Amino acid sequence: MPHEEHHRTHRTGWLRAAVLGANDGIVSTASLILGVASAQASHAGIVLAGVAGLVAGAMSMAAGEYVSVSSQSDTEQADLAIEREGLASDEEAEREELAEIYVERGLDAALAKEVANQLMAHDALGAHARDELGISEILRARPLQAALASAGAFGVGAAMPLLTAVLAGETELMPLVAGTSLAFLALLGAAAARVGGASMTIGALRVLFWGALAMALTAGVGALFGIAA
């Protein structure tokens, strides 16, 4: 039977964007709701603030991810253009450069040269992109995918505290939003760690800490300015 291994590296692109989006959606929307509620706003005003936060946050996540990942993609394309030019102008120098990389990784010179010859005969640009630049198909920047994953995940995450705020009465709104949001964050952290192959406990604890801190600070600001008003 062939030896099979199940790696998780291929998930890093969409997983990072999805976890970031969902986490930000829960934390920012719950914090916004708690801050407005602490300022003694009406129930309708609290819900309106939550809806506005969801829409604005989702668009901000999409735009931010698209711009940042596009910058990464632009850098990758610029480096690939340099490699194309090098291969067109001096293929032998590029072959020697690739062989030197394999020597540094532990191959003897003769074998490294043979490997470089065969890989360049198959896909010269791909070999240099992967082994010289560290650009692979799995880890290549995908701006649109990252933007959609972040916006969608933010919307799903933000909907959780927002729905709680809609259904909760005014007196129990703050403890319910805070409690359910922390529970959602713990589940998200644990699930993300599980998908990524890390400790579920550590994954849950780290998002709980930062989520609780953000909510507490925002609620404090809302209470302070609400009292001042």
Protein backbone atom coordinates (compact mmCIF):
# COMPACT_ATOMS: atom_id res chain seq x y z
CA MET A 1 0.00 0.00 0.00
CA PRO A 2 1.32 3.49 -0.80
CA HIS A 3 2.27 5.67 2.15
CA GLU A 4 -0.31 8.43 2.62
CA GLU A 5 0.07 11.60 4.64
CA HIS A 6 -2.60 14.21 5.22
CA HIS A 7 -1.06 17.66 5.47
CA ARG A 8 -2.82 20.91 6.27
CA THR A 9 -0.59 23.48 4.56
CA HIS A 10 -2.97 23.79 1.61
CA ARG A 11 -5.57 25.22 4.00
CA THR A 12 -3.50 28.15 5.20
CA GLY A 13 -4.71 30.67 2.61
CA TRP A 14 -8.45 30.39 3.13
CA LEU A 15 -8.18 29.29 6.78
CA ARG A 16 -6.27 32.41 7.83
CA ALA A 17 -8.73 34.71 6.07
CA ALA A 18 -11.79 32.84 7.37
CA VAL A 19 -10.61 32.67 10.98
CA LEU A 20 -9.55 36.31 10.97
CA GLY A 21 -12.87 37.37 9.46
CA ALA A 22 -15.05 35.35 11.83
CA ASN A 23 -13.04 36.34 14.89
CA ASP A 24 -13.13 40.01 13.93
CA GLY A 25 -16.85 39.78 13.19
CA ILE A 26 -17.66 38.39 16.63
CA VAL A 27 -15.29 40.62 18.60
CA SER A 28 -15.92 43.93 16.84
CA THR A 29 -19.71 43.55 16.60
CA ALA A 30 -20.12 42.28 20.16
CA SER A 31 -17.83 45.04 21.43
CA LEU A 32 -19.76 47.67 19.46
CA ILE A 33 -23.08 46.41 20.80
CA LEU A 34 -21.79 46.34 24.37
CA GLY A 35 -20.28 49.79 24.04
CA VAL A 36 -23.50 51.31 22.73
CA ALA A 37 -25.58 49.43 25.29
CA SER A 38 -23.31 50.66 28.11
CA ALA A 39 -24.03 54.21 26.97
CA GLN A 40 -27.73 53.62 27.75
CA ALA A 41 -28.84 53.61 24.10
CA SER A 42 -32.28 52.28 23.13
CA HIS A 43 -32.72 48.71 21.97
CA ALA A 44 -33.40 49.90 18.42
CA GLY A 45 -30.27 52.05 18.48
CA ILE A 46 -28.17 49.11 19.70
CA VAL A 47 -29.45 46.84 16.93
CA LEU A 48 -28.93 49.56 14.30
CA ALA A 49 -25.34 50.02 15.46
CA GLY A 50 -24.80 46.26 15.21
CA VAL A 51 -26.19 46.10 11.67
CA ALA A 52 -24.05 49.04 10.58
CA GLY A 53 -21.02 47.41 12.17
CA LEU A 54 -21.68 44.16 10.33
CA VAL A 55 -21.97 45.80 6.91
CA ALA A 56 -19.05 48.20 7.41
CA GLY A 57 -16.85 45.49 8.91
CA ALA A 58 -17.51 42.99 6.14
CA MET A 59 -16.67 45.55 3.47
CA SER A 60 -13.59 46.67 5.37
CA MET A 61 -12.36 43.09 5.70
CA ALA A 62 -12.94 42.40 2.02
CA ALA A 63 -11.18 45.57 0.91
CA GLY A 64 -8.31 45.13 3.34
CA GLU A 65 -7.69 41.50 2.41
CA TYR A 66 -7.94 42.22 -1.31
CA VAL A 67 -5.49 45.12 -1.16
CA SER A 68 -2.96 43.36 1.09
CA VAL A 69 -3.03 40.03 -0.76
CA SER A 70 -2.93 41.87 -4.09
CA SER A 71 0.28 43.54 -2.93
CA GLN A 72 1.69 40.10 -2.18
CA SER A 73 0.56 38.88 -5.59
CA ASP A 74 2.15 41.90 -7.29
CA THR A 75 5.46 41.11 -5.58
CA GLU A 76 5.24 37.48 -6.67
CA GLN A 77 4.52 38.46 -10.26
CA ALA A 78 7.41 40.92 -10.28
CA ASP A 79 9.80 38.24 -9.04
CA LEU A 80 8.49 35.77 -11.60
CA ALA A 81 9.05 38.35 -14.34
CA ILE A 82 12.69 38.65 -13.23
CA GLU A 83 13.05 34.87 -13.44
CA ARG A 84 11.48 34.76 -16.91
CA GLU A 85 13.92 37.39 -18.09
CA GLY A 86 16.83 35.50 -16.56
CA LEU A 87 15.79 32.24 -18.19
CA ALA A 88 15.43 33.96 -21.55
CA SER A 89 18.77 35.78 -21.41
CA ASP A 90 21.03 33.27 -19.63
CA GLU A 91 19.45 29.89 -19.03
CA GLU A 92 22.76 28.25 -18.13
CA ALA A 93 23.38 30.72 -15.29
CA GLU A 94 19.89 30.06 -13.98
CA ARG A 95 20.56 26.31 -14.17
CA GLU A 96 23.74 26.70 -12.12
CA GLU A 97 21.90 28.87 -9.62
CA LEU A 98 19.24 26.20 -9.16
CA ALA A 99 21.89 23.49 -8.77
CA GLU A 100 23.62 25.53 -6.07
CA ILE A 101 20.37 25.71 -4.15
CA TYR A 102 20.13 21.90 -4.16
CA VAL A 103 23.77 21.60 -3.06
CA GLU A 104 23.00 23.87 -0.10
CA ARG A 105 20.12 21.54 0.78
CA GLY A 106 22.38 18.51 0.94
CA LEU A 107 22.79 17.04 -2.56
CA ASP A 108 26.21 16.44 -4.04
CA ALA A 109 27.16 18.65 -6.98
CA ALA A 110 26.65 16.05 -9.71
CA LEU A 111 23.23 15.00 -8.47
CA ALA A 112 22.19 18.62 -7.89
CA LYS A 113 23.09 19.47 -11.47
CA GLU A 114 21.14 16.49 -12.79
CA VAL A 115 18.09 17.40 -10.70
CA ALA A 116 18.29 21.00 -11.95
CA ASN A 117 18.54 19.77 -15.55
CA GLN A 118 15.52 17.51 -15.26
CA LEU A 119 13.33 19.99 -13.40
CA MET A 120 14.15 22.81 -15.79
CA ALA A 121 13.44 20.56 -18.76
CA HIS A 122 10.00 19.88 -17.24
CA ASP A 123 9.13 23.40 -16.01
CA ALA A 124 11.99 25.85 -15.70
CA LEU A 125 9.99 28.78 -14.34
CA GLY A 126 8.07 26.56 -11.91
CA ALA A 127 11.30 25.09 -10.54
CA HIS A 128 12.79 28.52 -9.90
CA ALA A 129 9.54 29.88 -8.48
CA ARG A 130 9.29 27.01 -6.02
CA ASP A 131 12.91 26.43 -5.02
CA GLU A 132 14.44 29.90 -5.40
CA LEU A 133 11.53 32.21 -4.58
CA GLY A 134 9.43 29.96 -2.35
CA ILE A 135 6.31 30.47 -4.48
CA SER A 136 4.16 27.37 -4.82
CA GLU A 137 0.67 26.73 -6.12
CA ILE A 138 -0.54 25.94 -2.60
CA LEU A 139 0.75 29.14 -0.99
CA ARG A 140 0.35 31.52 -3.94
CA ALA A 141 -1.53 34.76 -3.17
CA ARG A 142 -5.18 34.74 -4.24
CA PRO A 143 -6.67 38.20 -3.54
CA LEU A 144 -10.27 37.52 -4.53
CA GLN A 145 -10.43 34.26 -2.58
CA ALA A 146 -9.03 35.97 0.51
CA ALA A 147 -11.44 38.92 0.18
CA LEU A 148 -14.53 36.74 -0.20
CA ALA A 149 -13.49 34.40 2.60
CA SER A 150 -12.84 37.30 4.99
CA ALA A 151 -16.05 39.18 4.18
CA GLY A 152 -18.21 36.07 4.35
CA ALA A 153 -16.62 34.89 7.58
CA PHE A 154 -16.95 38.35 9.12
CA GLY A 155 -20.64 38.43 8.26
CA VAL A 156 -21.23 35.01 9.82
CA GLY A 157 -19.28 35.94 12.93
CA ALA A 158 -20.98 39.33 13.31
CA ALA A 159 -24.43 37.80 12.87
CA MET A 160 -24.04 35.81 16.09
CA PRO A 161 -23.88 38.69 18.61
CA LEU A 162 -26.24 40.74 16.45
CA LEU A 163 -28.93 38.03 16.49
CA THR A 164 -28.48 37.68 20.24
CA ALA A 165 -28.99 41.43 20.65
CA VAL A 166 -32.14 41.33 18.51
CA LEU A 167 -33.70 38.51 20.53
CA ALA A 168 -32.57 39.61 24.00
CA GLY A 169 -34.51 41.99 26.20
CA GLU A 170 -32.94 45.25 27.31
CA THR A 171 -32.14 44.07 30.84
CA GLU A 172 -30.34 40.86 29.86
CA LEU A 173 -28.87 42.10 26.58
CA MET A 174 -25.35 42.85 27.81
CA PRO A 175 -24.70 39.60 29.72
CA LEU A 176 -26.27 37.52 26.96
CA VAL A 177 -24.27 39.19 24.17
CA ALA A 178 -21.04 38.96 26.15
CA GLY A 179 -21.61 35.36 27.23
CA THR A 180 -22.70 33.98 23.87
CA SER A 181 -19.97 35.89 22.04
CA LEU A 182 -17.29 34.43 24.30
CA ALA A 183 -18.77 30.97 23.75
CA PHE A 184 -18.71 31.51 19.98
CA LEU A 185 -15.11 32.70 20.18
CA ALA A 186 -14.07 29.63 22.16
CA LEU A 187 -15.71 27.35 19.61
CA LEU A 188 -14.10 29.25 16.74
CA GLY A 189 -10.65 29.13 18.30
CA ALA A 190 -10.95 25.43 19.04
CA ALA A 191 -12.31 24.60 15.57
CA ALA A 192 -9.62 26.63 13.80
CA ALA A 193 -6.91 24.93 15.87
CA ARG A 194 -8.42 21.53 15.10
CA VAL A 195 -8.45 22.20 11.35
CA GLY A 196 -4.89 23.52 11.51
CA GLY A 197 -3.66 20.59 13.59
CA ALA A 198 -2.86 22.63 16.73
CA SER A 199 -4.02 22.43 20.35
CA MET A 200 -7.73 23.14 20.63
CA THR A 201 -7.37 24.36 24.21
CA ILE A 202 -4.69 26.89 23.34
CA GLY A 203 -6.64 28.00 20.29
CA ALA A 204 -9.75 28.62 22.38
CA LEU A 205 -7.92 30.39 25.22
CA ARG A 206 -6.06 32.88 23.06
CA VAL A 207 -9.20 34.12 21.27
CA LEU A 208 -11.10 34.21 24.56
CA PHE A 209 -8.47 36.43 26.15
CA TRP A 210 -8.37 39.02 23.37
CA GLY A 211 -12.12 38.90 22.82
CA ALA A 212 -12.90 39.46 26.50
CA LEU A 213 -10.38 42.28 26.69
CA ALA A 214 -11.86 44.05 23.66
CA MET A 215 -15.41 43.75 24.97
CA ALA A 216 -14.48 44.95 28.44
CA LEU A 217 -12.60 47.99 27.15
CA THR A 218 -15.35 48.98 24.72
CA ALA A 219 -18.06 48.54 27.34
CA GLY A 220 -16.00 50.69 29.70
CA VAL A 221 -15.70 53.46 27.13
CA GLY A 222 -19.43 53.31 26.45
CA ALA A 223 -20.24 53.51 30.16
CA LEU A 224 -17.84 56.41 30.67
CA PHE A 225 -19.19 58.54 27.85
CA GLY A 226 -22.76 57.51 28.54
CA ILE A 227 -22.46 58.75 32.11
CA ALA A 228 -20.71 61.91 30.93
CA ALA A 229 -23.55 62.60 28.51
